Amino acid sequence: MEALVWETAEELDMKLAQRVRNIRRRRKISQEELSRMSGVSYGSVKRFEATGKISLLSLTKLAMALDMADELRELFTQVPYRNIQEVIDERKRNTTSFI
């Protein structure tokens, strides 16, 4: 059974941007300082916090500058199986890839 999605991709992006902004503010880092620390342009940092739009590379740089790269590394690592067929299919792929 498919899980219901209650938010759009844009809403999810905005929530992520808000979380990054909250972390930045909690650590008393200005947007300009985060830009310098990460190598991401000030305009991109500002736009990300306002719109949620950013490239994956820039998001990764921001996460590294905020010492949060582990959170990105863990993304999609603990994804539960939706059904038994996914388990079976994955095991088949894993056993045939070594042949």
PDB file of N, CA and C in Angstrom:
ATOM      1  N   MET A   1       0.834  -1.176   0.000  1.00  0.00           N
ATOM      2  CA  MET A   1       0.000   0.000   0.000  1.00  0.00           C
ATOM      3  C   MET A   1       0.885   1.249   0.000  1.00  0.00           C
ATOM      4  N   GLU A   2       0.581   2.181  -0.869  1.00  0.00           N
ATOM      5  CA  GLU A   2       1.344   3.420  -0.968  1.00  0.00           C
ATOM      6  C   GLU A   2       1.015   4.347   0.192  1.00  0.00           C
ATOM      7  N   ALA A   3       2.035   4.974   0.744  1.00  0.00           N
ATOM      8  CA  ALA A   3       1.823   5.961   1.793  1.00  0.00           C
ATOM      9  C   ALA A   3       1.294   7.242   1.161  1.00  0.00           C
ATOM     10  N   LEU A   4       0.406   7.895   1.855  1.00  0.00           N
ATOM     11  CA  LEU A   4      -0.143   9.142   1.354  1.00  0.00           C
ATOM     12  C   LEU A   4       0.853  10.274   1.569  1.00  0.00           C
ATOM     13  N   VAL A   5       1.004  11.106   0.563  1.00  0.00           N
ATOM     14  CA  VAL A   5       1.899  12.251   0.655  1.00  0.00           C
ATOM     15  C   VAL A   5       1.054  13.470   0.988  1.00  0.00           C
ATOM     16  N   TRP A   6       1.366  14.114   2.082  1.00  0.00           N
ATOM     17  CA  TRP A   6       0.573  15.237   2.548  1.00  0.00           C
ATOM     18  C   TRP A   6       1.218  16.571   2.256  1.00  0.00           C
ATOM     19  N   GLU A   7       2.382  16.561   1.648  1.00  0.00           N
ATOM     20  CA  GLU A   7       3.035  17.813   1.315  1.00  0.00           C
ATOM     21  C   GLU A   7       3.653  17.697  -0.064  1.00  0.00           C
ATOM     22  N   THR A   8       3.807  18.818  -0.692  1.00  0.00           N
ATOM     23  CA  THR A   8       4.419  18.839  -2.017  1.00  0.00           C
ATOM     24  C   THR A   8       5.937  18.833  -1.874  1.00  0.00           C
ATOM     25  N   ALA A   9       6.615  18.612  -2.984  1.00  0.00           N
ATOM     26  CA  ALA A   9       8.080  18.668  -2.979  1.00  0.00           C
ATOM     27  C   ALA A   9       8.545  20.061  -2.572  1.00  0.00           C
ATOM     28  N   GLU A  10       7.840  21.078  -3.047  1.00  0.00           N
ATOM     29  CA  GLU A  10       8.198  22.450  -2.700  1.00  0.00           C
ATOM     30  C   GLU A  10       8.041  22.712  -1.205  1.00  0.00           C
ATOM     31  N   GLU A  11       6.994  22.173  -0.610  1.00  0.00           N
ATOM     32  CA  GLU A  11       6.792  22.339   0.833  1.00  0.00           C
ATOM     33  C   GLU A  11       7.885  21.624   1.623  1.00  0.00           C
ATOM     34  N   LEU A  12       8.271  20.448   1.162  1.00  0.00           N
ATOM     35  CA  LEU A  12       9.346  19.710   1.812  1.00  0.00           C
ATOM     36  C   LEU A  12      10.662  20.469   1.700  1.00  0.00           C
ATOM     37  N   ASP A  13      10.933  21.044   0.526  1.00  0.00           N
ATOM     38  CA  ASP A  13      12.143  21.849   0.337  1.00  0.00           C
ATOM     39  C   ASP A  13      12.167  23.038   1.291  1.00  0.00           C
ATOM     40  N   MET A  14      11.017  23.697   1.455  1.00  0.00           N
ATOM     41  CA  MET A  14      10.936  24.852   2.357  1.00  0.00           C
ATOM     42  C   MET A  14      11.182  24.435   3.808  1.00  0.00           C
ATOM     43  N   LYS A  15      10.663  23.288   4.202  1.00  0.00           N
ATOM     44  CA  LYS A  15      10.908  22.802   5.566  1.00  0.00           C
ATOM     45  C   LYS A  15      12.392  22.535   5.785  1.00  0.00           C
ATOM     46  N   LEU A  16      13.043  21.980   4.793  1.00  0.00           N
ATOM     47  CA  LEU A  16      14.480  21.730   4.881  1.00  0.00           C
ATOM     48  C   LEU A  16      15.239  23.050   4.996  1.00  0.00           C
ATOM     49  N   ALA A  17      14.854  24.027   4.177  1.00  0.00           N
ATOM     50  CA  ALA A  17      15.496  25.344   4.233  1.00  0.00           C
ATOM     51  C   ALA A  17      15.291  25.989   5.599  1.00  0.00           C
ATOM     52  N   GLN A  18      14.101  25.850   6.166  1.00  0.00           N
ATOM     53  CA  GLN A  18      13.827  26.412   7.490  1.00  0.00           C
ATOM     54  C   GLN A  18      14.685  25.745   8.553  1.00  0.00           C
ATOM     55  N   ARG A  19      14.881  24.439   8.426  1.00  0.00           N
ATOM     56  CA  ARG A  19      15.725  23.729   9.399  1.00  0.00           C
ATOM     57  C   ARG A  19      17.169  24.221   9.322  1.00  0.00           C
ATOM     58  N   VAL A  20      17.666  24.384   8.095  1.00  0.00           N
ATOM     59  CA  VAL A  20      19.035  24.871   7.929  1.00  0.00           C
ATOM     60  C   VAL A  20      19.152  26.284   8.492  1.00  0.00           C
ATOM     61  N   ARG A  21      18.176  27.132   8.189  1.00  0.00           N
ATOM     62  CA  ARG A  21      18.196  28.505   8.721  1.00  0.00           C
ATOM     63  C   ARG A  21      18.178  28.503  10.248  1.00  0.00           C
ATOM     64  N   ASN A  22      17.341  27.651  10.839  1.00  0.00           N
ATOM     65  CA  ASN A  22      17.273  27.572  12.301  1.00  0.00           C
ATOM     66  C   ASN A  22      18.610  27.143  12.901  1.00  0.00           C
ATOM     67  N   ILE A  23      19.264  26.178  12.281  1.00  0.00           N
ATOM     68  CA  ILE A  23      20.579  25.728  12.764  1.00  0.00           C
ATOM     69  C   ILE A  23      21.595  26.850  12.632  1.00  0.00           C
ATOM     70  N   ARG A  24      21.572  27.527  11.480  1.00  0.00           N
ATOM     71  CA  ARG A  24      22.493  28.645  11.266  1.00  0.00           C
ATOM     72  C   ARG A  24      22.299  29.721  12.332  1.00  0.00           C
ATOM     73  N   ARG A  25      21.052  30.071  12.591  1.00  0.00           N
ATOM     74  CA  ARG A  25      20.761  31.104  13.586  1.00  0.00           C
ATOM     75  C   ARG A  25      21.131  30.654  14.997  1.00  0.00           C
ATOM     76  N   ARG A  26      20.845  29.402  15.321  1.00  0.00           N
ATOM     77  CA  ARG A  26      21.181  28.882  16.646  1.00  0.00           C
ATOM     78  C   ARG A  26      22.674  28.971  16.898  1.00  0.00           C
ATOM     79  N   ARG A  27      23.446  28.780  15.832  1.00  0.00           N
ATOM     80  CA  ARG A  27      24.901  28.845  15.952  1.00  0.00           C
ATOM     81  C   ARG A  27      25.440  30.262  15.753  1.00  0.00           C
ATOM     82  N   LYS A  28      24.499  31.201  15.604  1.00  0.00           N
ATOM     83  CA  LYS A  28      24.853  32.621  15.469  1.00  0.00           C
ATOM     84  C   LYS A  28      25.779  32.874  14.277  1.00  0.00           C
ATOM     85  N   ILE A  29      25.412  32.287  13.155  1.00  0.00           N
ATOM     86  CA  ILE A  29      26.155  32.456  11.909  1.00  0.00           C
ATOM     87  C   ILE A  29      25.271  33.252  10.954  1.00  0.00           C
ATOM     88  N   SER A  30      25.815  34.310  10.376  1.00  0.00           N
ATOM     89  CA  SER A  30      25.059  35.091   9.400  1.00  0.00           C
ATOM     90  C   SER A  30      25.038  34.358   8.062  1.00  0.00           C
ATOM     91  N   GLN A  31      24.150  34.764   7.181  1.00  0.00           N
ATOM     92  CA  GLN A  31      24.119  34.195   5.839  1.00  0.00           C
ATOM     93  C   GLN A  31      25.442  34.455   5.122  1.00  0.00           C
ATOM     94  N   GLU A  32      25.980  35.645   5.306  1.00  0.00           N
ATOM     95  CA  GLU A  32      27.254  35.980   4.671  1.00  0.00           C
ATOM     96  C   GLU A  32      28.380  35.077   5.177  1.00  0.00           C
ATOM     97  N   GLU A  33      28.390  34.857   6.486  1.00  0.00           N
ATOM     98  CA  GLU A  33      29.426  34.001   7.064  1.00  0.00           C
ATOM     99  C   GLU A  33      29.277  32.567   6.583  1.00  0.00           C
ATOM    100  N   LEU A  34      28.040  32.065   6.515  1.00  0.00           N
ATOM    101  CA  LEU A  34      27.810  30.711   6.015  1.00  0.00           C
ATOM    102  C   LEU A  34      28.259  30.607   4.564  1.00  0.00           C
ATOM    103  N   SER A  35      28.030  31.655   3.809  1.00  0.00           N
ATOM    104  CA  SER A  35      28.489  31.688   2.423  1.00  0.00           C
ATOM    105  C   SER A  35      29.999  31.532   2.351  1.00  0.00           C
ATOM    106  N   ARG A  36      30.713  32.286   3.160  1.00  0.00           N
ATOM    107  CA  ARG A  36      32.185  32.200   3.176  1.00  0.00           C
ATOM    108  C   ARG A  36      32.651  30.822   3.659  1.00  0.00           C
ATOM    109  N   MET A  37      32.013  30.314   4.700  1.00  0.00           N
ATOM    110  CA  MET A  37      32.417  29.018   5.268  1.00  0.00           C
ATOM    111  C   MET A  37      32.218  27.870   4.279  1.00  0.00           C
ATOM    112  N   SER A  38      31.154  27.963   3.479  1.00  0.00           N
ATOM    113  CA  SER A  38      30.771  26.846   2.618  1.00  0.00           C
ATOM    114  C   SER A  38      31.265  26.961   1.184  1.00  0.00           C
ATOM    115  N   GLY A  39      31.567  28.185   0.760  1.00  0.00           N
ATOM    116  CA  GLY A  39      31.912  28.383  -0.644  1.00  0.00           C
ATOM    117  C   GLY A  39      30.687  28.491  -1.540  1.00  0.00           C
ATOM    118  N   VAL A  40      29.509  28.578  -0.939  1.00  0.00           N
ATOM    119  CA  VAL A  40      28.263  28.767  -1.681  1.00  0.00           C
ATOM    120  C   VAL A  40      28.001  30.267  -1.727  1.00  0.00           C
ATOM    121  N   SER A  41      27.597  30.770  -2.867  1.00  0.00           N
ATOM    122  CA  SER A  41      27.406  32.213  -2.988  1.00  0.00           C
ATOM    123  C   SER A  41      26.362  32.714  -1.987  1.00  0.00           C
ATOM    124  N   TYR A  42      26.549  33.956  -1.571  1.00  0.00           N
ATOM    125  CA  TYR A  42      25.600  34.575  -0.642  1.00  0.00           C
ATOM    126  C   TYR A  42      24.192  34.564  -1.240  1.00  0.00           C
ATOM    127  N   GLY A  43      24.088  34.858  -2.528  1.00  0.00           N
ATOM    128  CA  GLY A  43      22.781  34.846  -3.194  1.00  0.00           C
ATOM    129  C   GLY A  43      22.107  33.485  -3.122  1.00  0.00           C
ATOM    130  N   SER A  44      22.886  32.424  -3.267  1.00  0.00           N
ATOM    131  CA  SER A  44      22.320  31.068  -3.192  1.00  0.00           C
ATOM    132  C   SER A  44      21.858  30.748  -1.781  1.00  0.00           C
ATOM    133  N   VAL A  45      22.625  31.150  -0.780  1.00  0.00           N
ATOM    134  CA  VAL A  45      22.221  30.912   0.611  1.00  0.00           C
ATOM    135  C   VAL A  45      20.926  31.661   0.897  1.00  0.00           C
ATOM    136  N   LYS A  46      20.891  32.920   0.493  1.00  0.00           N
ATOM    137  CA  LYS A  46      19.710  33.755   0.723  1.00  0.00           C
ATOM    138  C   LYS A  46      18.490  33.177   0.000  1.00  0.00           C
ATOM    139  N   ARG A  47      18.668  32.798  -1.273  1.00  0.00           N
ATOM    140  CA  ARG A  47      17.565  32.229  -2.049  1.00  0.00           C
ATOM    141  C   ARG A  47      17.081  30.911  -1.434  1.00  0.00           C
ATOM    142  N   PHE A  48      18.012  30.077  -1.000  1.00  0.00           N
ATOM    143  CA  PHE A  48      17.634  28.802  -0.394  1.00  0.00           C
ATOM    144  C   PHE A  48      16.753  29.019   0.826  1.00  0.00           C
ATOM    145  N   GLU A  49      17.164  29.916   1.689  1.00  0.00           N
ATOM    146  CA  GLU A  49      16.379  30.149   2.904  1.00  0.00           C
ATOM    147  C   GLU A  49      15.022  30.767   2.591  1.00  0.00           C
ATOM    148  N   ALA A  50      14.928  31.514   1.511  1.00  0.00           N
ATOM    149  CA  ALA A  50      13.670  32.169   1.156  1.00  0.00           C
ATOM    150  C   ALA A  50      12.739  31.286   0.335  1.00  0.00           C
ATOM    151  N   THR A  51      13.322  30.412  -0.518  1.00  0.00           N
ATOM    152  CA  THR A  51      12.486  29.659  -1.459  1.00  0.00           C
ATOM    153  C   THR A  51      12.613  28.143  -1.336  1.00  0.00           C
ATOM    154  N   GLY A  52      13.686  27.670  -0.689  1.00  0.00           N
ATOM    155  CA  GLY A  52      13.936  26.238  -0.613  1.00  0.00           C
ATOM    156  C   GLY A  52      14.667  25.700  -1.824  1.00  0.00           C
ATOM    157  N   LYS A  53      15.010  26.561  -2.779  1.00  0.00           N
ATOM    158  CA  LYS A  53      15.675  26.115  -4.008  1.00  0.00           C
ATOM    159  C   LYS A  53      17.194  26.209  -3.862  1.00  0.00           C
ATOM    160  N   ILE A  54      17.855  25.075  -4.148  1.00  0.00           N
ATOM    161  CA  ILE A  54      19.315  25.010  -4.070  1.00  0.00           C
ATOM    162  C   ILE A  54      19.773  23.752  -4.797  1.00  0.00           C
ATOM    163  N   SER A  55      20.977  23.773  -5.319  1.00  0.00           N
ATOM    164  CA  SER A  55      21.507  22.566  -5.954  1.00  0.00           C
ATOM    165  C   SER A  55      21.919  21.575  -4.865  1.00  0.00           C
ATOM    166  N   LEU A  56      21.969  20.326  -5.236  1.00  0.00           N
ATOM    167  CA  LEU A  56      22.396  19.303  -4.286  1.00  0.00           C
ATOM    168  C   LEU A  56      23.830  19.554  -3.833  1.00  0.00           C
ATOM    169  N   LEU A  57      24.698  19.965  -4.757  1.00  0.00           N
ATOM    170  CA  LEU A  57      26.092  20.250  -4.396  1.00  0.00           C
ATOM    171  C   LEU A  57      26.171  21.381  -3.376  1.00  0.00           C
ATOM    172  N   SER A  58      25.392  22.439  -3.588  1.00  0.00           N
ATOM    173  CA  SER A  58      25.412  23.554  -2.645  1.00  0.00           C
ATOM    174  C   SER A  58      24.833  23.146  -1.299  1.00  0.00           C
ATOM    175  N   LEU A  59      23.787  22.338  -1.303  1.00  0.00           N
ATOM    176  CA  LEU A  59      23.222  21.854  -0.046  1.00  0.00           C
ATOM    177  C   LEU A  59      24.253  21.028   0.711  1.00  0.00           C
ATOM    178  N   THR A  60      24.987  20.208  -0.004  1.00  0.00           N
ATOM    179  CA  THR A  60      26.034  19.405   0.615  1.00  0.00           C
ATOM    180  C   THR A  60      27.112  20.293   1.226  1.00  0.00           C
ATOM    181  N   LYS A  61      27.501  21.344   0.516  1.00  0.00           N
ATOM    182  CA  LYS A  61      28.510  22.277   1.036  1.00  0.00           C
ATOM    183  C   LYS A  61      28.011  22.984   2.293  1.00  0.00           C
ATOM    184  N   LEU A  62      26.726  23.385   2.299  1.00  0.00           N
ATOM    185  CA  LEU A  62      26.163  24.016   3.490  1.00  0.00           C
ATOM    186  C   LEU A  62      26.164  23.045   4.661  1.00  0.00           C
ATOM    187  N   ALA A  63      25.761  21.808   4.403  1.00  0.00           N
ATOM    188  CA  ALA A  63      25.739  20.800   5.464  1.00  0.00           C
ATOM    189  C   ALA A  63      27.142  20.569   6.024  1.00  0.00           C
ATOM    190  N   MET A  64      28.127  20.526   5.167  1.00  0.00           N
ATOM    191  CA  MET A  64      29.499  20.325   5.630  1.00  0.00           C
ATOM    192  C   MET A  64      29.967  21.518   6.460  1.00  0.00           C
ATOM    193  N   ALA A  65      29.634  22.737   6.017  1.00  0.00           N
ATOM    194  CA  ALA A  65      30.039  23.932   6.754  1.00  0.00           C
ATOM    195  C   ALA A  65      29.370  23.987   8.123  1.00  0.00           C
ATOM    196  N   LEU A  66      28.161  23.455   8.213  1.00  0.00           N
ATOM    197  CA  LEU A  66      27.438  23.447   9.493  1.00  0.00           C
ATOM    198  C   LEU A  66      27.725  22.183  10.305  1.00  0.00           C
ATOM    199  N   ASP A  67      28.705  21.393   9.839  1.00  0.00           N
ATOM    200  CA  ASP A  67      29.083  20.141  10.509  1.00  0.00           C
ATOM    201  C   ASP A  67      27.900  19.184  10.602  1.00  0.00           C
ATOM    202  N   MET A  68      27.178  19.055   9.489  1.00  0.00           N
ATOM    203  CA  MET A  68      26.017  18.179   9.435  1.00  0.00           C
ATOM    204  C   MET A  68      26.082  17.194   8.270  1.00  0.00           C
ATOM    205  N   ALA A  69      27.258  16.928   7.771  1.00  0.00           N
ATOM    206  CA  ALA A  69      27.404  16.029   6.635  1.00  0.00           C
ATOM    207  C   ALA A  69      26.926  14.615   6.963  1.00  0.00           C
ATOM    208  N   ASP A  70      27.054  14.209   8.217  1.00  0.00           N
ATOM    209  CA  ASP A  70      26.599  12.863   8.590  1.00  0.00           C
ATOM    210  C   ASP A  70      25.105  12.682   8.327  1.00  0.00           C
ATOM    211  N   GLU A  71      24.336  13.743   8.536  1.00  0.00           N
ATOM    212  CA  GLU A  71      22.907  13.654   8.283  1.00  0.00           C
ATOM    213  C   GLU A  71      22.626  13.391   6.804  1.00  0.00           C
ATOM    214  N   LEU A  72      23.419  13.995   5.922  1.00  0.00           N
ATOM    215  CA  LEU A  72      23.257  13.717   4.494  1.00  0.00           C
ATOM    216  C   LEU A  72      23.732  12.311   4.153  1.00  0.00           C
ATOM    217  N   ARG A  73      24.822  11.886   4.777  1.00  0.00           N
ATOM    218  CA  ARG A  73      25.316  10.529   4.518  1.00  0.00           C
ATOM    219  C   ARG A  73      24.285   9.483   4.894  1.00  0.00           C
ATOM    220  N   GLU A  74      23.507   9.763   5.906  1.00  0.00           N
ATOM    221  CA  GLU A  74      22.513   8.804   6.394  1.00  0.00           C
ATOM    222  C   GLU A  74      21.200   8.836   5.605  1.00  0.00           C
ATOM    223  N   LEU A  75      21.050   9.835   4.723  1.00  0.00           N
ATOM    224  CA  LEU A  75      19.831   9.963   3.941  1.00  0.00           C
ATOM    225  C   LEU A  75      19.617   8.713   3.096  1.00  0.00           C
ATOM    226  N   PHE A  76      18.457   8.143   3.189  1.00  0.00           N
ATOM    227  CA  PHE A  76      18.039   6.966   2.432  1.00  0.00           C
ATOM    228  C   PHE A  76      18.760   5.683   2.833  1.00  0.00           C
ATOM    229  N   THR A  77      19.446   5.656   3.956  1.00  0.00           N
ATOM    230  CA  THR A  77      20.134   4.426   4.356  1.00  0.00           C
ATOM    231  C   THR A  77      19.246   3.498   5.169  1.00  0.00           C
ATOM    232  N   GLN A  78      18.271   4.036   5.839  1.00  0.00           N
ATOM    233  CA  GLN A  78      17.388   3.235   6.685  1.00  0.00           C
ATOM    234  C   GLN A  78      15.971   3.197   6.110  1.00  0.00           C
ATOM    235  N   VAL A  79      15.854   2.942   4.826  1.00  0.00           N
ATOM    236  CA  VAL A  79      14.549   2.914   4.172  1.00  0.00           C
ATOM    237  C   VAL A  79      13.938   1.537   4.372  1.00  0.00           C
ATOM    238  N   PRO A  80      12.771   1.472   5.026  1.00  0.00           N
ATOM    239  CA  PRO A  80      12.142   0.175   5.262  1.00  0.00           C
ATOM    240  C   PRO A  80      11.581  -0.417   3.965  1.00  0.00           C
ATOM    241  N   TYR A  81      11.517  -1.725   3.919  1.00  0.00           N
ATOM    242  CA  TYR A  81      10.902  -2.394   2.781  1.00  0.00           C
ATOM    243  C   TYR A  81       9.403  -2.150   2.821  1.00  0.00           C
ATOM    244  N   ARG A  82       8.810  -1.968   1.653  1.00  0.00           N
ATOM    245  CA  ARG A  82       7.352  -1.761   1.585  1.00  0.00           C
ATOM    246  C   ARG A  82       6.594  -3.072   1.607  1.00  0.00           C
ATOM    247  N   ASN A  83       7.247  -4.130   1.137  1.00  0.00           N
ATOM    248  CA  ASN A  83       6.585  -5.435   1.123  1.00  0.00           C
ATOM    249  C   ASN A  83       7.644  -6.526   0.975  1.00  0.00           C
ATOM    250  N   ILE A  84       7.213  -7.772   1.113  1.00  0.00           N
ATOM    251  CA  ILE A  84       8.151  -8.899   1.060  1.00  0.00           C
ATOM    252  C   ILE A  84       8.783  -9.045  -0.326  1.00  0.00           C
ATOM    253  N   GLN A  85       8.070  -8.639  -1.372  1.00  0.00           N
ATOM    254  CA  GLN A  85       8.607  -8.761  -2.720  1.00  0.00           C
ATOM    255  C   GLN A  85       9.857  -7.906  -2.902  1.00  0.00           C
ATOM    256  N   GLU A  86       9.913  -6.731  -2.265  1.00  0.00           N
ATOM    257  CA  GLU A  86      11.124  -5.907  -2.339  1.00  0.00           C
ATOM    258  C   GLU A  86      12.316  -6.632  -1.718  1.00  0.00           C
ATOM    259  N   VAL A  87      12.095  -7.334  -0.627  1.00  0.00           N
ATOM    260  CA  VAL A  87      13.155  -8.097   0.031  1.00  0.00           C
ATOM    261  C   VAL A  87      13.658  -9.187  -0.908  1.00  0.00           C
ATOM    262  N   ILE A  88      12.741  -9.917  -1.498  1.00  0.00           N
ATOM    263  CA  ILE A  88      13.091 -11.011  -2.410  1.00  0.00           C
ATOM    264  C   ILE A  88      13.866 -10.480  -3.615  1.00  0.00           C
ATOM    265  N   ASP A  89      13.349  -9.407  -4.217  1.00  0.00           N
ATOM    266  CA  ASP A  89      14.005  -8.832  -5.396  1.00  0.00           C
ATOM    267  C   ASP A  89      15.405  -8.327  -5.076  1.00  0.00           C
ATOM    268  N   GLU A  90      15.574  -7.695  -3.929  1.00  0.00           N
ATOM    269  CA  GLU A  90      16.894  -7.189  -3.563  1.00  0.00           C
ATOM    270  C   GLU A  90      17.879  -8.328  -3.339  1.00  0.00           C
ATOM    271  N   ARG A  91      17.427  -9.380  -2.703  1.00  0.00           N
ATOM    272  CA  ARG A  91      18.327 -10.523  -2.475  1.00  0.00           C
ATOM    273  C   ARG A  91      18.727 -11.174  -3.789  1.00  0.00           C
ATOM    274  N   LYS A  92      17.794 -11.238  -4.737  1.00  0.00           N
ATOM    275  CA  LYS A  92      18.128 -11.793  -6.050  1.00  0.00           C
ATOM    276  C   LYS A  92      19.169 -10.940  -6.731  1.00  0.00           C
ATOM    277  N   ARG A  93      19.007  -9.628  -6.693  1.00  0.00           N
ATOM    278  CA  ARG A  93      19.975  -8.717  -7.318  1.00  0.00           C
ATOM    279  C   ARG A  93      21.345  -8.861  -6.671  1.00  0.00           C
ATOM    280  N   ASN A  94      21.377  -8.954  -5.371  1.00  0.00           N
ATOM    281  CA  ASN A  94      22.647  -9.041  -4.646  1.00  0.00           C
ATOM    282  C   ASN A  94      23.363 -10.354  -4.914  1.00  0.00           C
ATOM    283  N   THR A  95      22.639 -11.439  -5.058  1.00  0.00           N
ATOM    284  CA  THR A  95      23.296 -12.729  -5.296  1.00  0.00           C
ATOM    285  C   THR A  95      23.741 -12.863  -6.735  1.00  0.00           C
ATOM    286  N   THR A  96      23.020 -12.274  -7.683  1.00  0.00           N
ATOM    287  CA  THR A  96      23.422 -12.379  -9.085  1.00  0.00           C
ATOM    288  C   THR A  96      24.528 -11.405  -9.438  1.00  0.00           C
ATOM    289  N   SER A  97      24.715 -10.354  -8.655  1.00  0.00           N
ATOM    290  CA  SER A  97      25.758  -9.379  -8.979  1.00  0.00           C
ATOM    291  C   SER A  97      27.161  -9.918  -8.712  1.00  0.00           C
ATOM    292  N   PHE A  98      27.272 -10.991  -7.954  1.00  0.00           N
ATOM    293  CA  PHE A  98      28.580 -11.561  -7.644  1.00  0.00           C
ATOM    294  C   PHE A  98      28.980 -12.662  -8.620  1.00  0.00           C
ATOM    295  N   ILE A  99      28.095 -13.017  -9.502  1.00  0.00           N
ATOM    296  CA  ILE A  99      28.368 -14.112 -10.434  1.00  0.00           C
ATOM    297  C   ILE A  99      29.111 -13.627 -11.652  1.00  0.00           C
TER     298      ILE A  99
END
